[in-house]
C-alpha cells in the first residue's frame, strides 16, 4: 500500500538527494492543494446529507468541488445558478430549486422559508444529498495514505518532485515535472468523465418546443 514513507523515498530517489526529508512535508502540502484544485476523480467522490434549515449552509471542511446536489425526497437535481434572476426569498410556496457557491457556503435559491423564531421541534421540509469531490486527506506521518495516493500515485510523485525541483532551482526538471503532473491529472480527469458515461444508455433528448 502506498504511503508517505514510500513517497518520500521515491522523491529522494528521483531528485538524487537524501538530505531533503524535512523539506518534503511542505512540498506534499503544496501538492495536495494543487490536487484539490485540479483533480476530479472517483477516489475523491463522497456523499453527505443536509437538512436545509438556513439560506446559507457551510460547506464540509474537506470540500473541493460540487458534483451534484439532489432533493432527498424526489431525487431531483438542484441546478447551479451563478447568476440568479428569480425571487431571492421564498414564501413557503416557492420551493428551493437551485444553489450557488458563496465563499465557503452553499446558498439555496430561492431562500427557504424559515420561521422566526424557530419553534421547538420544527423540521425543515427539504433535505439534500450532496455528492462532492473532497480534498485528499493530508499526509502527515510516515504510514499515512489516502485513496488518491493509492490510486493515482504518479500525480503525487510528479507534484512533489515539481516543488522539489523548484527548490533546487533546477528549471529544466521543474518544467518536466510540471508537465508530467499536468498530463497525469488531465488523463485521470478524462478517464473519470469517460467512465461516468461509458455504461449509460443513449437516448435522444428533444426540445419540448421549437424556437
N, C-alpha and C. Protein backbone atom coordinates (compact mmCIF):
# COMPACT_ATOMS: atom_id res chain seq x y z
N UNK A 1 0.84 -1.19 0.00
CA UNK A 1 0.00 0.00 0.00
C UNK A 1 0.88 1.25 0.00
N UNK A 2 0.57 2.19 -0.85
CA UNK A 2 1.34 3.43 -0.94
C UNK A 2 1.21 4.21 0.36
N UNK A 3 2.27 4.91 0.72
CA UNK A 3 2.26 5.68 1.96
C UNK A 3 3.18 6.88 1.81
N UNK A 4 3.14 7.77 2.80
CA UNK A 4 4.04 8.92 2.78
C UNK A 4 5.49 8.46 2.83
N UNK A 5 5.77 7.37 3.55
CA UNK A 5 7.14 6.87 3.62
C UNK A 5 7.65 6.46 2.25
N UNK A 6 6.82 5.75 1.49
CA UNK A 6 7.22 5.35 0.14
C UNK A 6 7.39 6.55 -0.76
N UNK A 7 6.45 7.50 -0.67
CA UNK A 7 6.53 8.71 -1.48
C UNK A 7 7.81 9.47 -1.17
N UNK A 8 8.15 9.60 0.09
CA UNK A 8 9.38 10.30 0.49
C UNK A 8 10.61 9.63 -0.09
N UNK A 9 10.65 8.30 -0.01
CA UNK A 9 11.80 7.56 -0.54
C UNK A 9 11.91 7.74 -2.05
N UNK A 10 10.77 7.68 -2.75
CA UNK A 10 10.80 7.83 -4.20
C UNK A 10 11.21 9.23 -4.62
N UNK A 11 10.73 10.23 -3.92
CA UNK A 11 11.10 11.62 -4.25
C UNK A 11 12.60 11.81 -4.07
N UNK A 12 13.15 11.29 -2.99
CA UNK A 12 14.60 11.41 -2.78
C UNK A 12 15.36 10.71 -3.90
N UNK A 13 14.85 9.58 -4.37
CA UNK A 13 15.49 8.88 -5.48
C UNK A 13 15.40 9.66 -6.77
N UNK A 14 14.22 10.20 -7.07
CA UNK A 14 14.03 10.94 -8.32
C UNK A 14 14.87 12.21 -8.35
N UNK A 15 15.01 12.85 -7.20
CA UNK A 15 15.77 14.11 -7.16
C UNK A 15 17.25 13.88 -6.87
N UNK A 16 17.61 12.63 -6.51
CA UNK A 16 19.00 12.33 -6.21
C UNK A 16 19.51 13.02 -4.98
N UNK A 17 18.63 13.18 -3.99
CA UNK A 17 19.01 13.85 -2.74
C UNK A 17 18.51 13.03 -1.56
N UNK A 18 19.34 12.89 -0.52
CA UNK A 18 18.94 12.18 0.68
C UNK A 18 18.81 13.12 1.87
N UNK A 19 19.01 14.42 1.64
CA UNK A 19 19.03 15.39 2.74
C UNK A 19 17.81 16.32 2.71
N UNK A 20 16.70 15.85 2.16
CA UNK A 20 15.54 16.73 1.97
C UNK A 20 14.32 16.25 2.76
N UNK A 21 14.52 15.31 3.68
CA UNK A 21 13.38 14.74 4.41
C UNK A 21 12.54 15.81 5.09
N UNK A 22 13.18 16.78 5.72
CA UNK A 22 12.43 17.81 6.45
C UNK A 22 11.71 18.78 5.52
N UNK A 23 12.12 18.82 4.26
CA UNK A 23 11.51 19.74 3.30
C UNK A 23 10.29 19.13 2.60
N UNK A 24 10.27 17.82 2.52
CA UNK A 24 9.26 17.15 1.71
C UNK A 24 7.85 17.41 2.23
N UNK A 25 7.68 17.54 3.53
CA UNK A 25 6.33 17.78 4.06
C UNK A 25 5.70 19.01 3.44
N UNK A 26 6.46 20.08 3.32
CA UNK A 26 5.92 21.30 2.70
C UNK A 26 5.58 21.09 1.24
N UNK A 27 6.41 20.33 0.53
CA UNK A 27 6.13 20.06 -0.88
C UNK A 27 4.88 19.20 -1.03
N UNK A 28 4.68 18.27 -0.12
CA UNK A 28 3.47 17.43 -0.15
C UNK A 28 2.24 18.31 0.09
N UNK A 29 2.34 19.22 1.03
CA UNK A 29 1.22 20.11 1.35
C UNK A 29 0.83 20.95 0.14
N UNK A 30 1.80 21.48 -0.57
CA UNK A 30 1.51 22.28 -1.76
C UNK A 30 0.92 21.40 -2.87
N UNK A 31 1.41 20.19 -2.99
CA UNK A 31 0.88 19.26 -3.98
C UNK A 31 -0.58 18.93 -3.68
N UNK A 32 -0.90 18.74 -2.41
CA UNK A 32 -2.28 18.43 -2.03
C UNK A 32 -3.21 19.60 -2.33
N UNK A 33 -2.71 20.81 -2.22
CA UNK A 33 -3.51 21.98 -2.62
C UNK A 33 -3.78 21.94 -4.11
N UNK A 34 -2.76 21.63 -4.91
CA UNK A 34 -2.94 21.51 -6.36
C UNK A 34 -3.94 20.41 -6.71
N UNK A 35 -3.84 19.27 -6.02
CA UNK A 35 -4.74 18.15 -6.28
C UNK A 35 -6.18 18.55 -5.99
N UNK A 36 -6.42 19.22 -4.87
CA UNK A 36 -7.77 19.64 -4.51
C UNK A 36 -8.34 20.60 -5.54
N UNK A 37 -7.49 21.42 -6.14
CA UNK A 37 -7.95 22.42 -7.11
C UNK A 37 -8.12 21.84 -8.51
N UNK A 38 -7.32 20.82 -8.87
CA UNK A 38 -7.28 20.40 -10.28
C UNK A 38 -7.77 18.99 -10.55
N UNK A 39 -7.68 18.08 -9.59
CA UNK A 39 -8.01 16.68 -9.85
C UNK A 39 -9.49 16.42 -9.53
N UNK A 40 -10.17 15.67 -10.42
CA UNK A 40 -11.57 15.31 -10.23
C UNK A 40 -11.73 13.85 -10.63
N UNK A 41 -11.59 12.94 -9.65
CA UNK A 41 -11.61 11.51 -9.92
C UNK A 41 -12.49 10.81 -8.88
N UNK A 42 -12.81 9.54 -9.17
CA UNK A 42 -13.70 8.77 -8.31
C UNK A 42 -13.16 8.66 -6.89
N UNK A 43 -11.84 8.60 -6.75
CA UNK A 43 -11.23 8.47 -5.43
C UNK A 43 -11.52 9.66 -4.53
N UNK A 44 -11.99 10.76 -5.10
CA UNK A 44 -12.28 11.97 -4.33
C UNK A 44 -13.77 12.15 -4.06
N UNK A 45 -14.62 11.31 -4.65
CA UNK A 45 -16.07 11.50 -4.56
C UNK A 45 -16.61 10.94 -3.25
N UNK A 46 -17.45 11.72 -2.60
CA UNK A 46 -18.12 11.28 -1.37
C UNK A 46 -19.51 11.90 -1.31
N UNK A 47 -20.33 11.45 -0.36
CA UNK A 47 -21.70 11.93 -0.23
C UNK A 47 -21.97 12.41 1.19
N UNK A 48 -22.90 13.35 1.30
CA UNK A 48 -23.33 13.84 2.60
C UNK A 48 -24.78 14.27 2.48
N UNK A 49 -25.51 14.21 3.57
CA UNK A 49 -26.89 14.69 3.60
C UNK A 49 -26.98 15.88 4.53
N UNK A 50 -27.91 16.79 4.21
CA UNK A 50 -28.01 18.02 4.98
C UNK A 50 -29.44 18.54 4.95
N UNK A 51 -30.08 18.73 6.11
CA UNK A 51 -31.38 19.41 6.11
C UNK A 51 -31.18 20.89 5.78
N UNK A 52 -32.05 21.44 4.94
CA UNK A 52 -31.91 22.84 4.54
C UNK A 52 -32.66 23.68 5.57
N UNK A 53 -31.94 24.04 6.63
CA UNK A 53 -32.54 24.79 7.72
C UNK A 53 -32.02 26.22 7.78
N UNK A 54 -31.39 26.67 6.69
CA UNK A 54 -30.90 28.04 6.58
C UNK A 54 -30.66 28.34 5.11
N UNK A 55 -30.63 29.63 4.77
CA UNK A 55 -30.40 30.00 3.38
C UNK A 55 -28.98 29.68 2.95
N UNK A 56 -28.02 29.86 3.86
CA UNK A 56 -26.63 29.54 3.59
C UNK A 56 -26.14 28.52 4.60
N UNK A 57 -25.53 27.45 4.08
CA UNK A 57 -25.02 26.38 4.91
C UNK A 57 -23.54 26.19 4.59
N UNK A 58 -22.73 26.01 5.61
CA UNK A 58 -21.29 25.86 5.40
C UNK A 58 -20.97 24.59 4.62
N UNK A 59 -20.00 24.68 3.73
CA UNK A 59 -19.52 23.51 3.02
C UNK A 59 -18.79 22.59 3.98
N UNK A 60 -18.72 21.29 3.67
CA UNK A 60 -17.93 20.38 4.51
C UNK A 60 -16.47 20.83 4.56
N UNK A 61 -15.76 20.55 5.64
CA UNK A 61 -14.37 21.01 5.79
C UNK A 61 -13.45 20.51 4.68
N UNK A 62 -13.75 19.32 4.12
CA UNK A 62 -12.88 18.76 3.07
C UNK A 62 -13.41 19.02 1.67
N UNK A 63 -14.34 19.97 1.51
CA UNK A 63 -14.96 20.25 0.21
C UNK A 63 -13.94 20.79 -0.78
N UNK A 64 -13.94 20.21 -2.00
CA UNK A 64 -13.09 20.72 -3.08
C UNK A 64 -13.92 21.25 -4.24
N UNK A 65 -14.98 20.52 -4.64
CA UNK A 65 -15.84 20.95 -5.73
C UNK A 65 -17.14 20.16 -5.66
N UNK A 66 -18.21 20.76 -6.21
CA UNK A 66 -19.51 20.10 -6.21
C UNK A 66 -19.63 19.19 -7.43
N UNK A 67 -20.22 18.01 -7.20
CA UNK A 67 -20.56 17.10 -8.29
C UNK A 67 -22.05 17.15 -8.57
N UNK A 68 -22.89 17.05 -7.53
CA UNK A 68 -24.34 17.11 -7.71
C UNK A 68 -25.01 17.40 -6.37
N UNK A 69 -26.18 18.03 -6.44
CA UNK A 69 -26.96 18.33 -5.25
C UNK A 69 -28.40 17.95 -5.57
N UNK A 70 -28.98 17.03 -4.78
CA UNK A 70 -30.32 16.49 -5.07
C UNK A 70 -31.26 16.65 -3.88
N UNK A 71 -32.53 16.84 -4.22
CA UNK A 71 -33.60 16.80 -3.22
C UNK A 71 -33.71 15.36 -2.74
N UNK A 72 -33.59 15.13 -1.44
CA UNK A 72 -33.62 13.77 -0.90
C UNK A 72 -34.96 13.09 -1.15
N UNK A 73 -36.06 13.85 -1.13
CA UNK A 73 -37.38 13.26 -1.25
C UNK A 73 -37.70 12.85 -2.69
N UNK A 74 -37.34 13.70 -3.65
CA UNK A 74 -37.72 13.46 -5.04
C UNK A 74 -36.58 12.95 -5.91
N UNK A 75 -35.34 13.14 -5.47
CA UNK A 75 -34.18 12.79 -6.29
C UNK A 75 -33.87 13.81 -7.37
N UNK A 76 -34.64 14.90 -7.41
CA UNK A 76 -34.44 15.92 -8.44
C UNK A 76 -33.18 16.73 -8.18
N UNK A 77 -32.44 16.97 -9.25
CA UNK A 77 -31.23 17.77 -9.14
C UNK A 77 -31.55 19.24 -8.92
N UNK A 78 -30.82 19.87 -8.01
CA UNK A 78 -30.87 21.32 -7.91
C UNK A 78 -29.86 21.87 -8.91
N UNK A 79 -30.23 22.93 -9.60
CA UNK A 79 -29.36 23.49 -10.63
C UNK A 79 -28.41 24.52 -10.03
N UNK A 80 -27.21 24.56 -10.60
CA UNK A 80 -26.22 25.56 -10.19
C UNK A 80 -26.53 26.85 -10.93
N UNK A 81 -26.78 27.92 -10.19
CA UNK A 81 -27.13 29.21 -10.77
C UNK A 81 -26.21 30.29 -10.22
N UNK A 82 -25.16 30.61 -10.97
CA UNK A 82 -24.27 31.67 -10.53
C UNK A 82 -24.91 33.04 -10.64
N UNK A 83 -25.77 33.21 -11.66
CA UNK A 83 -26.46 34.49 -11.89
C UNK A 83 -27.95 34.27 -11.70
N UNK A 84 -28.39 34.29 -10.46
CA UNK A 84 -29.79 34.00 -10.13
C UNK A 84 -30.66 35.22 -10.44
N UNK A 85 -31.74 35.01 -11.20
CA UNK A 85 -32.65 36.10 -11.57
C UNK A 85 -34.04 35.92 -10.98
N UNK A 86 -34.26 34.80 -10.30
CA UNK A 86 -35.57 34.55 -9.71
C UNK A 86 -35.72 35.26 -8.38
N UNK A 87 -36.84 35.02 -7.70
CA UNK A 87 -37.03 35.64 -6.37
C UNK A 87 -36.01 35.11 -5.39
N UNK A 88 -35.48 36.02 -4.57
CA UNK A 88 -34.43 35.62 -3.63
C UNK A 88 -35.01 34.97 -2.38
N UNK A 89 -36.17 35.44 -1.95
CA UNK A 89 -36.74 34.94 -0.72
C UNK A 89 -37.99 34.11 -0.99
N UNK A 90 -37.98 32.88 -0.51
CA UNK A 90 -39.14 32.02 -0.64
C UNK A 90 -40.21 32.38 0.37
N UNK A 91 -41.46 32.10 0.04
CA UNK A 91 -42.57 32.42 0.94
C UNK A 91 -43.31 31.16 1.39
N UNK A 92 -42.67 30.00 1.18
CA UNK A 92 -43.31 28.75 1.52
C UNK A 92 -44.02 28.10 0.35
N UNK A 93 -44.34 28.90 -0.67
CA UNK A 93 -45.00 28.36 -1.87
C UNK A 93 -44.02 28.21 -3.02
N UNK A 94 -42.83 28.79 -2.90
CA UNK A 94 -41.82 28.75 -3.96
C UNK A 94 -40.69 27.85 -3.49
N UNK A 95 -40.61 26.60 -3.96
CA UNK A 95 -39.62 25.66 -3.42
C UNK A 95 -38.21 26.00 -3.86
N UNK A 96 -37.26 25.50 -3.09
CA UNK A 96 -35.85 25.64 -3.46
C UNK A 96 -35.59 24.80 -4.71
N UNK A 97 -35.03 25.40 -5.74
CA UNK A 97 -34.77 24.70 -7.00
C UNK A 97 -33.31 24.77 -7.41
N UNK A 98 -32.55 25.67 -6.79
CA UNK A 98 -31.19 25.92 -7.26
C UNK A 98 -30.27 26.23 -6.09
N UNK A 99 -28.99 26.41 -6.43
CA UNK A 99 -28.00 26.77 -5.42
C UNK A 99 -26.86 27.51 -6.10
N UNK A 100 -26.05 28.17 -5.31
CA UNK A 100 -24.79 28.72 -5.78
C UNK A 100 -23.80 28.67 -4.64
N UNK A 101 -22.52 28.71 -5.00
CA UNK A 101 -21.44 28.65 -4.01
C UNK A 101 -20.99 30.06 -3.70
N UNK A 102 -21.04 30.42 -2.44
CA UNK A 102 -20.68 31.76 -1.99
C UNK A 102 -19.61 31.63 -0.91
N UNK A 103 -18.37 31.95 -1.24
CA UNK A 103 -17.30 31.76 -0.28
C UNK A 103 -17.20 30.29 0.10
N UNK A 104 -17.28 30.01 1.39
CA UNK A 104 -17.22 28.62 1.84
C UNK A 104 -18.62 28.11 2.23
N UNK A 105 -19.64 28.70 1.62
CA UNK A 105 -21.02 28.32 1.92
C UNK A 105 -21.76 27.89 0.65
N UNK A 106 -22.86 27.14 0.85
CA UNK A 106 -23.81 26.82 -0.21
C UNK A 106 -25.05 27.66 0.04
N UNK A 107 -25.45 28.47 -0.93
CA UNK A 107 -26.65 29.30 -0.80
C UNK A 107 -27.77 28.65 -1.58
N UNK A 108 -28.91 28.40 -0.94
CA UNK A 108 -30.06 27.77 -1.59
C UNK A 108 -30.98 28.85 -2.14
N UNK A 109 -31.48 28.58 -3.36
CA UNK A 109 -32.27 29.58 -4.08
C UNK A 109 -33.58 28.98 -4.58
N UNK A 110 -34.70 29.74 -4.43
CA UNK A 110 -34.78 30.92 -3.54
C UNK A 110 -34.57 30.50 -2.09
N UNK A 111 -34.30 31.46 -1.24
CA UNK A 111 -34.05 31.15 0.16
C UNK A 111 -35.24 30.41 0.75
N UNK A 112 -35.00 29.34 1.48
CA UNK A 112 -36.11 28.60 2.11
C UNK A 112 -36.82 29.45 3.16
N UNK A 113 -38.07 29.16 3.34
CA UNK A 113 -38.86 29.87 4.34
C UNK A 113 -38.59 29.26 5.72
N UNK A 114 -37.97 30.04 6.60
CA UNK A 114 -37.59 29.57 7.95
C UNK A 114 -38.38 30.39 8.97
N UNK A 115 -39.13 29.76 9.84
CA UNK A 115 -39.88 30.53 10.85
C UNK A 115 -38.95 31.27 11.79
N UNK A 116 -39.38 32.44 12.23
CA UNK A 116 -38.59 33.25 13.15
C UNK A 116 -39.51 33.80 14.24
N UNK A 117 -39.36 33.35 15.47
CA UNK A 117 -38.34 32.39 15.93
C UNK A 117 -38.71 30.96 15.51
N UNK A 118 -37.70 30.10 15.50
CA UNK A 118 -37.91 28.70 15.14
C UNK A 118 -38.58 27.99 16.32
N UNK A 119 -39.77 27.41 16.13
CA UNK A 119 -40.46 26.74 17.23
C UNK A 119 -39.78 25.42 17.60
N UNK A 120 -39.98 25.00 18.81
CA UNK A 120 -39.42 23.73 19.28
C UNK A 120 -39.96 22.58 18.43
N UNK A 121 -39.07 21.70 18.01
CA UNK A 121 -39.47 20.53 17.23
C UNK A 121 -39.65 20.79 15.75
N UNK A 122 -39.40 22.03 15.31
CA UNK A 122 -39.56 22.33 13.88
C UNK A 122 -38.54 21.58 13.05
N UNK A 123 -38.98 21.05 11.91
CA UNK A 123 -38.10 20.35 10.98
C UNK A 123 -38.23 20.96 9.59
N UNK A 124 -37.12 21.19 8.89
CA UNK A 124 -37.22 21.76 7.53
C UNK A 124 -37.89 20.77 6.59
N UNK A 125 -38.56 21.32 5.57
CA UNK A 125 -39.28 20.47 4.61
C UNK A 125 -38.35 19.87 3.56
N UNK A 126 -37.14 20.40 3.44
CA UNK A 126 -36.21 19.94 2.41
C UNK A 126 -34.90 19.46 3.03
N UNK A 127 -34.46 18.29 2.59
CA UNK A 127 -33.11 17.81 2.87
C UNK A 127 -32.45 17.49 1.54
N UNK A 128 -31.15 17.68 1.46
CA UNK A 128 -30.45 17.45 0.20
C UNK A 128 -29.36 16.40 0.39
N UNK A 129 -29.09 15.70 -0.70
CA UNK A 129 -27.96 14.77 -0.75
C UNK A 129 -26.91 15.41 -1.64
N UNK A 130 -25.77 15.66 -1.07
CA UNK A 130 -24.69 16.33 -1.79
C UNK A 130 -23.61 15.32 -2.16
N UNK A 131 -23.31 15.25 -3.44
CA UNK A 131 -22.19 14.46 -3.93
C UNK A 131 -21.10 15.45 -4.31
N UNK A 132 -19.94 15.30 -3.69
CA UNK A 132 -18.89 16.30 -3.93
C UNK A 132 -17.51 15.64 -3.97
N UNK A 133 -16.58 16.38 -4.54
CA UNK A 133 -15.17 15.96 -4.55
C UNK A 133 -14.52 16.50 -3.28
N UNK A 134 -13.93 15.59 -2.51
CA UNK A 134 -13.27 16.02 -1.28
C UNK A 134 -11.77 16.13 -1.49
N UNK A 135 -11.17 17.06 -0.81
CA UNK A 135 -9.71 17.20 -0.85
C UNK A 135 -9.08 15.95 -0.24
N UNK A 136 -7.91 15.55 -0.75
CA UNK A 136 -7.27 14.35 -0.19
C UNK A 136 -6.90 14.55 1.28
N UNK A 137 -7.04 13.48 2.05
CA UNK A 137 -6.65 13.54 3.46
C UNK A 137 -5.15 13.82 3.53
N UNK A 138 -4.74 14.85 4.27
CA UNK A 138 -3.32 15.22 4.29
C UNK A 138 -2.42 14.09 4.79
N UNK A 139 -1.28 13.97 4.15
CA UNK A 139 -0.26 13.00 4.57
C UNK A 139 0.66 13.69 5.57
N UNK A 140 0.71 13.18 6.79
CA UNK A 140 1.48 13.85 7.83
C UNK A 140 2.57 12.99 8.44
N UNK A 141 2.29 11.70 8.62
CA UNK A 141 3.30 10.81 9.22
C UNK A 141 3.58 9.68 8.24
N UNK A 142 4.67 8.96 8.49
CA UNK A 142 5.21 8.00 7.52
C UNK A 142 4.18 7.00 7.00
N UNK A 143 3.31 6.50 7.87
CA UNK A 143 2.37 5.47 7.46
C UNK A 143 1.10 5.98 6.84
N UNK A 144 0.93 7.29 6.74
CA UNK A 144 -0.32 7.87 6.21
C UNK A 144 -0.50 7.54 4.74
N UNK A 145 -1.75 7.34 4.35
CA UNK A 145 -2.11 7.15 2.95
C UNK A 145 -3.49 7.74 2.73
N UNK A 146 -3.95 7.75 1.50
CA UNK A 146 -5.32 8.16 1.17
C UNK A 146 -5.66 7.59 -0.20
N UNK A 147 -6.93 7.59 -0.60
CA UNK A 147 -7.30 6.97 -1.87
C UNK A 147 -6.62 7.57 -3.10
N UNK A 148 -6.36 8.87 -3.09
CA UNK A 148 -5.69 9.48 -4.25
C UNK A 148 -4.25 8.97 -4.35
N UNK A 149 -3.55 8.91 -3.24
CA UNK A 149 -2.18 8.40 -3.26
C UNK A 149 -2.15 6.96 -3.74
N UNK A 150 -3.10 6.15 -3.29
CA UNK A 150 -3.12 4.74 -3.66
C UNK A 150 -3.48 4.52 -5.12
N UNK A 151 -4.42 5.30 -5.64
CA UNK A 151 -4.92 5.06 -6.99
C UNK A 151 -4.29 5.96 -8.05
N UNK A 152 -3.68 7.06 -7.63
CA UNK A 152 -3.06 7.99 -8.59
C UNK A 152 -1.69 8.42 -8.05
N UNK A 153 -0.88 7.43 -7.78
CA UNK A 153 0.41 7.67 -7.13
C UNK A 153 1.29 8.63 -7.94
N UNK A 154 1.29 8.48 -9.26
CA UNK A 154 2.16 9.32 -10.10
C UNK A 154 1.85 10.80 -9.95
N UNK A 155 0.58 11.12 -9.72
CA UNK A 155 0.21 12.54 -9.58
C UNK A 155 0.87 13.12 -8.33
N UNK A 156 0.84 12.39 -7.25
CA UNK A 156 1.54 12.84 -6.04
C UNK A 156 3.04 12.95 -6.30
N UNK A 157 3.61 11.91 -6.91
CA UNK A 157 5.06 11.88 -7.13
C UNK A 157 5.52 13.05 -8.01
N UNK A 158 4.83 13.27 -9.14
CA UNK A 158 5.22 14.36 -10.03
C UNK A 158 5.02 15.72 -9.35
N UNK A 159 3.95 15.84 -8.57
CA UNK A 159 3.69 17.12 -7.90
C UNK A 159 4.76 17.45 -6.87
N UNK A 160 5.14 16.48 -6.06
CA UNK A 160 6.15 16.74 -5.03
C UNK A 160 7.51 16.99 -5.68
N UNK A 161 7.84 16.22 -6.72
CA UNK A 161 9.11 16.45 -7.43
C UNK A 161 9.14 17.81 -8.10
N UNK A 162 7.98 18.29 -8.55
CA UNK A 162 7.92 19.62 -9.15
C UNK A 162 8.38 20.68 -8.15
N UNK A 163 7.84 20.62 -6.95
CA UNK A 163 8.23 21.62 -5.95
C UNK A 163 9.65 21.41 -5.45
N UNK A 164 10.09 20.15 -5.40
CA UNK A 164 11.48 19.90 -5.04
C UNK A 164 12.45 20.46 -6.06
N UNK A 165 12.10 20.34 -7.34
CA UNK A 165 12.95 20.88 -8.40
C UNK A 165 12.99 22.40 -8.37
N UNK A 166 11.85 23.01 -8.04
CA UNK A 166 11.83 24.46 -7.90
C UNK A 166 12.73 24.90 -6.75
N UNK A 167 12.69 24.15 -5.66
CA UNK A 167 13.54 24.47 -4.51
C UNK A 167 15.02 24.39 -4.89
N UNK A 168 15.37 23.42 -5.72
CA UNK A 168 16.76 23.25 -6.13
C UNK A 168 17.15 24.18 -7.26
N UNK A 169 16.20 25.00 -7.73
CA UNK A 169 16.43 25.93 -8.84
C UNK A 169 16.82 25.20 -10.11
N UNK A 170 16.27 24.00 -10.27
CA UNK A 170 16.51 23.20 -11.47
C UNK A 170 15.34 23.45 -12.43
N UNK A 171 15.47 24.47 -13.28
CA UNK A 171 14.37 24.90 -14.13
C UNK A 171 13.93 23.80 -15.10
N UNK A 172 14.88 23.10 -15.68
CA UNK A 172 14.53 22.05 -16.64
C UNK A 172 13.74 20.93 -15.98
N UNK A 173 14.20 20.48 -14.82
CA UNK A 173 13.49 19.41 -14.12
C UNK A 173 12.12 19.93 -13.62
N UNK A 174 12.07 21.16 -13.17
CA UNK A 174 10.79 21.72 -12.70
C UNK A 174 9.77 21.75 -13.83
N UNK A 175 10.22 22.15 -15.03
CA UNK A 175 9.32 22.18 -16.19
C UNK A 175 8.87 20.77 -16.55
N UNK A 176 9.81 19.83 -16.52
CA UNK A 176 9.49 18.44 -16.83
C UNK A 176 8.45 17.88 -15.85
N UNK A 177 8.63 18.13 -14.57
CA UNK A 177 7.71 17.61 -13.56
C UNK A 177 6.36 18.33 -13.60
N UNK A 178 6.39 19.61 -13.90
CA UNK A 178 5.13 20.36 -14.05
C UNK A 178 4.30 19.78 -15.19
N UNK A 179 4.94 19.53 -16.31
CA UNK A 179 4.25 18.96 -17.46
C UNK A 179 3.73 17.56 -17.16
N UNK A 180 4.54 16.77 -16.46
CA UNK A 180 4.13 15.41 -16.11
C UNK A 180 2.94 15.43 -15.16
N UNK A 181 2.95 16.33 -14.18
CA UNK A 181 1.83 16.46 -13.25
C UNK A 181 0.56 16.88 -13.99
N UNK A 182 0.68 17.86 -14.87
CA UNK A 182 -0.47 18.37 -15.62
C UNK A 182 -1.06 17.28 -16.51
N UNK A 183 -0.21 16.54 -17.20
CA UNK A 183 -0.68 15.48 -18.10
C UNK A 183 -1.32 14.33 -17.33
N UNK A 184 -0.73 13.94 -16.21
CA UNK A 184 -1.29 12.85 -15.42
C UNK A 184 -2.63 13.25 -14.82
N UNK A 185 -2.75 14.49 -14.38
CA UNK A 185 -4.01 14.98 -13.83
C UNK A 185 -5.09 15.03 -14.90
N UNK A 186 -4.74 15.55 -16.07
CA UNK A 186 -5.71 15.64 -17.17
C UNK A 186 -6.18 14.25 -17.61
N UNK A 187 -5.25 13.30 -17.69
CA UNK A 187 -5.60 11.94 -18.10
C UNK A 187 -6.54 11.28 -17.08
N UNK A 188 -6.27 11.49 -15.79
CA UNK A 188 -7.13 10.92 -14.75
C UNK A 188 -8.52 11.54 -14.79
N UNK A 189 -8.59 12.86 -14.98
CA UNK A 189 -9.88 13.53 -15.07
C UNK A 189 -10.68 13.03 -16.27
N UNK A 190 -10.00 12.87 -17.40
CA UNK A 190 -10.67 12.40 -18.61
C UNK A 190 -11.16 10.97 -18.44
N UNK A 191 -10.37 10.13 -17.80
CA UNK A 191 -10.78 8.74 -17.57
C UNK A 191 -12.02 8.69 -16.67
N UNK A 192 -12.08 9.54 -15.66
CA UNK A 192 -13.25 9.57 -14.78
C UNK A 192 -14.49 10.02 -15.53
N UNK A 193 -14.36 11.06 -16.35
CA UNK A 193 -15.50 11.55 -17.12
C UNK A 193 -15.99 10.48 -18.09
N UNK A 194 -15.05 9.78 -18.74
CA UNK A 194 -15.43 8.73 -19.67
C UNK A 194 -16.12 7.58 -18.98
N UNK A 195 -15.64 7.22 -17.79
CA UNK A 195 -16.23 6.10 -17.05
C UNK A 195 -17.65 6.40 -16.60
N UNK A 196 -17.94 7.67 -16.30
CA UNK A 196 -19.27 8.03 -15.84
C UNK A 196 -20.34 7.76 -16.89
N UNK A 197 -19.96 7.89 -18.17
CA UNK A 197 -20.95 7.79 -19.23
C UNK A 197 -20.80 6.54 -20.09
N UNK A 198 -19.75 5.75 -19.87
CA UNK A 198 -19.50 4.61 -20.75
C UNK A 198 -20.59 3.56 -20.67
N UNK A 199 -21.23 3.44 -19.51
CA UNK A 199 -22.28 2.43 -19.38
C UNK A 199 -23.67 3.00 -19.42
N UNK A 200 -23.79 4.29 -19.69
CA UNK A 200 -25.10 4.92 -19.67
C UNK A 200 -25.85 4.67 -20.97
N UNK A 201 -27.17 4.41 -20.91
CA UNK A 201 -27.95 4.23 -22.12
C UNK A 201 -28.03 5.52 -22.92
N UNK A 202 -28.00 5.41 -24.23
CA UNK A 202 -28.10 6.57 -25.10
C UNK A 202 -29.56 6.80 -25.46
N UNK A 203 -29.97 8.05 -25.44
CA UNK A 203 -31.32 8.38 -25.86
C UNK A 203 -31.33 9.78 -26.43
N UNK A 204 -32.24 10.02 -27.36
CA UNK A 204 -32.35 11.35 -27.96
C UNK A 204 -33.04 12.27 -26.99
N UNK A 205 -32.51 13.46 -26.84
CA UNK A 205 -33.11 14.49 -26.00
C UNK A 205 -33.69 15.56 -26.90
N UNK A 206 -35.02 15.58 -27.06
CA UNK A 206 -35.67 16.51 -27.97
C UNK A 206 -36.19 17.71 -27.21
N UNK A 207 -36.13 18.91 -27.80
CA UNK A 207 -36.67 20.08 -27.13
C UNK A 207 -38.19 19.97 -26.98
N UNK A 208 -38.69 20.54 -25.91
CA UNK A 208 -40.14 20.49 -25.67
C UNK A 208 -40.91 21.29 -26.71
N UNK A 209 -40.31 22.30 -27.25
CA UNK A 209 -40.94 23.11 -28.29
C UNK A 209 -39.87 23.74 -29.14
N UNK A 210 -40.25 24.13 -30.32
CA UNK A 210 -39.28 24.71 -31.24
C UNK A 210 -39.01 26.17 -30.93
N UNK A 211 -38.08 26.71 -31.67
CA UNK A 211 -37.75 28.11 -31.48
C UNK A 211 -38.77 28.96 -32.21
